[in-house]
């Protein structure tokens, strides 16, 4: 299991930290993501996302399973998107060698998630995306920055491929500007 050191900003969760009438601007430099137009010298709660990559082999039913202490926001496998919060709780495996194959994903406990409908006996790259709340401290000019950690995983061609989203955009799609002056 490989986990990213980088936390990608998704959205501002505490709108009370934003100046009245102002919309926070989000852009990047070579090594940081900046969030501007916030309340000066404040702590602003933001929701960030962490991606974990796992290579798992689907069983003969076309299912893979993984454990997670928190419910992932999303799980991506190839072109399929899974929403674990919507999975039903099953007391045992849905698909066994004597049952009909199911395309319905589920959970077998609060920590074990099963993804169904995959190609049987094939290795799958599973991207597990979890949301976390972090506190961003702004400076006297009303902006804060998050460092971009350029860690690579064996499953990505560049560090930008490791980032899920920043306000719905990939890191490489954020506008690139010079750091703000205070």
C-alpha atoms as a PDB file:
ATOM      1  CA  UNK A   1       0.000   0.000   0.000  1.00  0.00           C
ATOM      2  CA  UNK A   2       1.333   3.395  -0.964  1.00  0.00           C
ATOM      3  CA  UNK A   3      -0.041   6.567   0.574  1.00  0.00           C
ATOM      4  CA  UNK A   4       0.539  10.091  -0.608  1.00  0.00           C
ATOM      5  CA  UNK A   5       2.229  12.608   1.612  1.00  0.00           C
ATOM      6  CA  UNK A   6       0.425  15.377  -0.242  1.00  0.00           C
ATOM      7  CA  UNK A   7      -3.008  16.531   0.810  1.00  0.00           C
ATOM      8  CA  UNK A   8      -4.980  18.125  -2.002  1.00  0.00           C
ATOM      9  CA  UNK A   9      -7.320  20.979  -1.145  1.00  0.00           C
ATOM     10  CA  UNK A  10     -10.875  20.229  -2.115  1.00  0.00           C
ATOM     11  CA  UNK A  11     -12.972  23.069  -0.744  1.00  0.00           C
ATOM     12  CA  UNK A  12     -13.218  25.518   2.110  1.00  0.00           C
ATOM     13  CA  UNK A  13     -15.361  23.952   4.787  1.00  0.00           C
ATOM     14  CA  UNK A  14     -15.602  26.884   7.183  1.00  0.00           C
ATOM     15  CA  UNK A  15     -17.062  29.768   5.170  1.00  0.00           C
ATOM     16  CA  UNK A  16     -16.868  31.973   8.268  1.00  0.00           C
ATOM     17  CA  UNK A  17     -13.128  32.235   7.588  1.00  0.00           C
ATOM     18  CA  UNK A  18     -13.660  33.926   4.234  1.00  0.00           C
ATOM     19  CA  UNK A  19     -13.871  37.724   4.058  1.00  0.00           C
ATOM     20  CA  UNK A  20     -17.405  38.979   3.529  1.00  0.00           C
ATOM     21  CA  UNK A  21     -18.106  39.512  -0.165  1.00  0.00           C
ATOM     22  CA  UNK A  22     -14.813  37.954  -1.239  1.00  0.00           C
ATOM     23  CA  UNK A  23     -14.347  34.649  -2.988  1.00  0.00           C
ATOM     24  CA  UNK A  24     -11.192  32.760  -2.128  1.00  0.00           C
ATOM     25  CA  UNK A  25      -8.753  32.535  -5.025  1.00  0.00           C
ATOM     26  CA  UNK A  26      -6.873  29.278  -5.409  1.00  0.00           C
ATOM     27  CA  UNK A  27      -3.744  29.014  -7.563  1.00  0.00           C
ATOM     28  CA  UNK A  28      -0.353  27.356  -7.551  1.00  0.00           C
ATOM     29  CA  UNK A  29       3.311  28.100  -7.841  1.00  0.00           C
ATOM     30  CA  UNK A  30       6.073  25.573  -8.468  1.00  0.00           C
ATOM     31  CA  UNK A  31       5.962  24.273  -4.898  1.00  0.00           C
ATOM     32  CA  UNK A  32       2.768  25.524  -3.174  1.00  0.00           C
ATOM     33  CA  UNK A  33      -0.975  25.936  -3.508  1.00  0.00           C
ATOM     34  CA  UNK A  34      -2.162  29.362  -2.332  1.00  0.00           C
ATOM     35  CA  UNK A  35      -5.586  30.251  -0.978  1.00  0.00           C
ATOM     36  CA  UNK A  36      -6.131  34.022  -0.852  1.00  0.00           C
ATOM     37  CA  UNK A  37      -8.895  36.506   0.073  1.00  0.00           C
ATOM     38  CA  UNK A  38      -9.387  34.933   3.497  1.00  0.00           C
ATOM     39  CA  UNK A  39      -9.721  36.541   6.926  1.00  0.00           C
ATOM     40  CA  UNK A  40      -6.269  37.769   8.113  1.00  0.00           C
ATOM     41  CA  UNK A  41      -4.565  35.893  10.970  1.00  0.00           C
ATOM     42  CA  UNK A  42      -7.301  33.303  11.153  1.00  0.00           C
ATOM     43  CA  UNK A  43      -7.584  29.565  11.330  1.00  0.00           C
ATOM     44  CA  UNK A  44      -9.684  28.297   8.438  1.00  0.00           C
ATOM     45  CA  UNK A  45     -10.901  24.721   8.304  1.00  0.00           C
ATOM     46  CA  UNK A  46     -10.468  23.085   4.914  1.00  0.00           C
ATOM     47  CA  UNK A  47     -11.392  19.671   3.612  1.00  0.00           C
ATOM     48  CA  UNK A  48      -8.488  17.852   2.042  1.00  0.00           C
ATOM     49  CA  UNK A  49      -8.225  14.508   0.318  1.00  0.00           C
ATOM     50  CA  UNK A  50      -5.592  11.800   0.607  1.00  0.00           C
ATOM     51  CA  UNK A  51      -5.188   9.140  -2.067  1.00  0.00           C
ATOM     52  CA  UNK A  52      -3.932   5.646  -1.349  1.00  0.00           C
ATOM     53  CA  UNK A  53      -3.043   3.361  -4.244  1.00  0.00           C
ATOM     54  CA  UNK A  54      -3.398  -0.406  -3.902  1.00  0.00           C
ATOM     55  CA  UNK A  55      -2.883  -3.178  -6.435  1.00  0.00           C
ATOM     56  CA  UNK A  56      -5.408  -5.921  -5.711  1.00  0.00           C
ATOM     57  CA  UNK A  57      -6.289  -9.077  -7.627  1.00  0.00           C
ATOM     58  CA  UNK A  58      -9.990  -9.673  -8.231  1.00  0.00           C
ATOM     59  CA  UNK A  59     -11.246 -13.090  -7.159  1.00  0.00           C
ATOM     60  CA  UNK A  60     -13.244 -15.459  -9.384  1.00  0.00           C
ATOM     61  CA  UNK A  61     -16.371 -13.416  -8.595  1.00  0.00           C
ATOM     62  CA  UNK A  62     -14.774 -10.201  -9.869  1.00  0.00           C
ATOM     63  CA  UNK A  63     -14.487  -8.745  -6.360  1.00  0.00           C
ATOM     64  CA  UNK A  64     -11.666  -7.094  -4.453  1.00  0.00           C
ATOM     65  CA  UNK A  65     -11.799  -6.133  -0.791  1.00  0.00           C
ATOM     66  CA  UNK A  66      -9.840  -3.797   1.442  1.00  0.00           C
ATOM     67  CA  UNK A  67      -9.898  -2.548   5.014  1.00  0.00           C
ATOM     68  CA  UNK A  68     -10.209   1.087   6.025  1.00  0.00           C
ATOM     69  CA  UNK A  69     -10.765   2.569   9.472  1.00  0.00           C
ATOM     70  CA  UNK A  70     -12.719   5.462   7.919  1.00  0.00           C
ATOM     71  CA  UNK A  71     -15.232   5.353   5.088  1.00  0.00           C
ATOM     72  CA  UNK A  72     -13.518   6.521   1.873  1.00  0.00           C
ATOM     73  CA  UNK A  73     -15.142   9.417   0.012  1.00  0.00           C
ATOM     74  CA  UNK A  74     -14.633   7.611  -3.309  1.00  0.00           C
ATOM     75  CA  UNK A  75     -12.853   4.592  -4.695  1.00  0.00           C
ATOM     76  CA  UNK A  76     -11.712   4.588  -8.330  1.00  0.00           C
ATOM     77  CA  UNK A  77     -10.889   1.444 -10.321  1.00  0.00           C
ATOM     78  CA  UNK A  78     -10.143   2.042 -14.010  1.00  0.00           C
ATOM     79  CA  UNK A  79     -13.222   3.924 -15.277  1.00  0.00           C
ATOM     80  CA  UNK A  80     -15.490   2.840 -12.406  1.00  0.00           C
ATOM     81  CA  UNK A  81     -16.370   5.061  -9.442  1.00  0.00           C
ATOM     82  CA  UNK A  82     -17.513   3.509  -6.158  1.00  0.00           C
ATOM     83  CA  UNK A  83     -19.108   5.383  -3.227  1.00  0.00           C
ATOM     84  CA  UNK A  84     -18.515   3.277  -0.087  1.00  0.00           C
ATOM     85  CA  UNK A  85     -20.856   5.420   2.052  1.00  0.00           C
ATOM     86  CA  UNK A  86     -23.729   3.954   0.001  1.00  0.00           C
ATOM     87  CA  UNK A  87     -22.634   0.307   0.394  1.00  0.00           C
ATOM     88  CA  UNK A  88     -25.052  -1.958   2.269  1.00  0.00           C
ATOM     89  CA  UNK A  89     -23.854  -4.118   5.130  1.00  0.00           C
ATOM     90  CA  UNK A  90     -23.863  -7.846   4.342  1.00  0.00           C
ATOM     91  CA  UNK A  91     -23.210 -10.463   7.021  1.00  0.00           C
ATOM     92  CA  UNK A  92     -21.104 -12.560   4.655  1.00  0.00           C
ATOM     93  CA  UNK A  93     -19.692 -12.534   1.126  1.00  0.00           C
ATOM     94  CA  UNK A  94     -22.350 -12.049  -1.536  1.00  0.00           C
ATOM     95  CA  UNK A  95     -20.559 -14.120  -4.170  1.00  0.00           C
ATOM     96  CA  UNK A  96     -19.284 -17.611  -3.446  1.00  0.00           C
ATOM     97  CA  UNK A  97     -18.359 -20.482  -5.736  1.00  0.00           C
ATOM     98  CA  UNK A  98     -21.954 -21.808  -5.498  1.00  0.00           C
ATOM     99  CA  UNK A  99     -23.774 -18.484  -5.992  1.00  0.00           C
ATOM    100  CA  UNK A 100     -24.528 -16.249  -8.936  1.00  0.00           C
ATOM    101  CA  UNK A 101     -21.966 -13.488  -9.558  1.00  0.00           C
ATOM    102  CA  UNK A 102     -23.066 -10.068  -8.284  1.00  0.00           C
ATOM    103  CA  UNK A 103     -22.158  -6.624  -9.587  1.00  0.00           C
ATOM    104  CA  UNK A 104     -23.325  -4.988  -6.343  1.00  0.00           C
ATOM    105  CA  UNK A 105     -20.591  -3.618  -4.059  1.00  0.00           C
ATOM    106  CA  UNK A 106     -21.069  -3.904  -0.297  1.00  0.00           C
ATOM    107  CA  UNK A 107     -19.322  -3.957   3.075  1.00  0.00           C
ATOM    108  CA  UNK A 108     -18.941  -6.958   5.373  1.00  0.00           C
ATOM    109  CA  UNK A 109     -18.147  -4.838   8.447  1.00  0.00           C
ATOM    110  CA  UNK A 110     -17.641  -1.175   9.250  1.00  0.00           C
ATOM    111  CA  UNK A 111     -14.007  -1.508   8.156  1.00  0.00           C
ATOM    112  CA  UNK A 112     -14.082  -4.042   5.255  1.00  0.00           C
ATOM    113  CA  UNK A 113     -15.296  -2.891   1.830  1.00  0.00           C
ATOM    114  CA  UNK A 114     -15.915  -5.143  -1.181  1.00  0.00           C
ATOM    115  CA  UNK A 115     -15.889  -3.784  -4.748  1.00  0.00           C
ATOM    116  CA  UNK A 116     -17.823  -5.926  -7.243  1.00  0.00           C
ATOM    117  CA  UNK A 117     -18.251  -6.013 -11.000  1.00  0.00           C
ATOM    118  CA  UNK A 118     -14.549  -6.160 -11.876  1.00  0.00           C
ATOM    119  CA  UNK A 119     -12.870  -8.545 -14.314  1.00  0.00           C
ATOM    120  CA  UNK A 120     -12.285 -11.846 -12.462  1.00  0.00           C
ATOM    121  CA  UNK A 121      -8.713 -12.905 -11.635  1.00  0.00           C
ATOM    122  CA  UNK A 122      -7.254  -9.642 -12.971  1.00  0.00           C
ATOM    123  CA  UNK A 123      -4.978  -7.222 -11.101  1.00  0.00           C
ATOM    124  CA  UNK A 124      -6.743  -3.918 -10.396  1.00  0.00           C
ATOM    125  CA  UNK A 125      -5.226  -0.548  -9.460  1.00  0.00           C
ATOM    126  CA  UNK A 126      -7.514   0.736  -6.706  1.00  0.00           C
ATOM    127  CA  UNK A 127      -7.397   4.441  -5.750  1.00  0.00           C
ATOM    128  CA  UNK A 128      -8.904   5.005  -2.308  1.00  0.00           C
ATOM    129  CA  UNK A 129      -9.766   8.660  -1.666  1.00  0.00           C
ATOM    130  CA  UNK A 130     -10.392   9.775   1.924  1.00  0.00           C
ATOM    131  CA  UNK A 131     -11.466  13.210   3.117  1.00  0.00           C
ATOM    132  CA  UNK A 132      -9.935  14.863   6.178  1.00  0.00           C
ATOM    133  CA  UNK A 133     -10.443  18.230   7.842  1.00  0.00           C
ATOM    134  CA  UNK A 134      -7.313  20.329   8.336  1.00  0.00           C
ATOM    135  CA  UNK A 135      -6.706  23.802   9.719  1.00  0.00           C
ATOM    136  CA  UNK A 136      -5.012  26.379   7.503  1.00  0.00           C
ATOM    137  CA  UNK A 137      -3.488  29.392   9.282  1.00  0.00           C
ATOM    138  CA  UNK A 138      -3.651  32.607   7.285  1.00  0.00           C
ATOM    139  CA  UNK A 139      -1.104  35.406   7.553  1.00  0.00           C
ATOM    140  CA  UNK A 140      -1.784  39.108   8.222  1.00  0.00           C
ATOM    141  CA  UNK A 141      -2.644  39.596   4.542  1.00  0.00           C
ATOM    142  CA  UNK A 142      -5.328  36.909   4.503  1.00  0.00           C
ATOM    143  CA  UNK A 143      -3.720  34.072   2.623  1.00  0.00           C
ATOM    144  CA  UNK A 144      -2.328  30.667   3.416  1.00  0.00           C
ATOM    145  CA  UNK A 145      -0.332  28.083   1.514  1.00  0.00           C
ATOM    146  CA  UNK A 146      -0.125  24.310   1.322  1.00  0.00           C
ATOM    147  CA  UNK A 147       3.184  22.806   0.183  1.00  0.00           C
ATOM    148  CA  UNK A 148       3.140  20.472  -2.811  1.00  0.00           C
ATOM    149  CA  UNK A 149       5.034  17.332  -1.932  1.00  0.00           C
ATOM    150  CA  UNK A 150       6.353  15.802  -5.102  1.00  0.00           C
ATOM    151  CA  UNK A 151       6.287  12.194  -3.949  1.00  0.00           C
ATOM    152  CA  UNK A 152       5.806   9.558  -6.606  1.00  0.00           C
ATOM    153  CA  UNK A 153       4.185   6.170  -6.406  1.00  0.00           C
ATOM    154  CA  UNK A 154       4.952   3.261  -8.703  1.00  0.00           C
ATOM    155  CA  UNK A 155       1.522   3.799 -10.269  1.00  0.00           C
ATOM    156  CA  UNK A 156       1.887   7.398 -11.477  1.00  0.00           C
ATOM    157  CA  UNK A 157       3.995   8.951 -14.238  1.00  0.00           C
ATOM    158  CA  UNK A 158       4.315  12.271 -12.434  1.00  0.00           C
ATOM    159  CA  UNK A 159       3.462  13.697  -9.034  1.00  0.00           C
ATOM    160  CA  UNK A 160       0.528  15.522 -10.630  1.00  0.00           C
ATOM    161  CA  UNK A 161      -1.080  12.158 -11.376  1.00  0.00           C
ATOM    162  CA  UNK A 162      -1.054  11.492  -7.622  1.00  0.00           C
ATOM    163  CA  UNK A 163      -3.299  14.461  -6.872  1.00  0.00           C
ATOM    164  CA  UNK A 164      -7.016  13.739  -7.043  1.00  0.00           C
ATOM    165  CA  UNK A 165      -8.438  17.271  -7.126  1.00  0.00           C
ATOM    166  CA  UNK A 166      -8.174  20.852  -6.000  1.00  0.00           C
ATOM    167  CA  UNK A 167     -11.671  22.313  -6.077  1.00  0.00           C
ATOM    168  CA  UNK A 168     -12.558  19.710  -8.690  1.00  0.00           C
ATOM    169  CA  UNK A 169      -9.513  20.419 -10.882  1.00  0.00           C
ATOM    170  CA  UNK A 170      -6.308  18.452 -11.231  1.00  0.00           C
ATOM    171  CA  UNK A 171      -3.256  20.201  -9.843  1.00  0.00           C
ATOM    172  CA  UNK A 172      -1.850  20.775 -13.334  1.00  0.00           C
ATOM    173  CA  UNK A 173      -5.080  22.586 -14.310  1.00  0.00           C
ATOM    174  CA  UNK A 174      -4.862  25.209 -11.524  1.00  0.00           C
ATOM    175  CA  UNK A 175      -3.718  28.631 -12.709  1.00  0.00           C
ATOM    176  CA  UNK A 176      -0.016  29.195 -12.102  1.00  0.00           C
ATOM    177  CA  UNK A 177       0.919  32.593 -10.644  1.00  0.00           C
ATOM    178  CA  UNK A 178       3.645  34.262  -8.653  1.00  0.00           C
ATOM    179  CA  UNK A 179       3.308  34.079  -4.847  1.00  0.00           C
ATOM    180  CA  UNK A 180       1.206  36.916  -3.404  1.00  0.00           C
ATOM    181  CA  UNK A 181       3.012  39.853  -1.805  1.00  0.00           C
ATOM    182  CA  UNK A 182       2.017  40.990   1.618  1.00  0.00           C
END
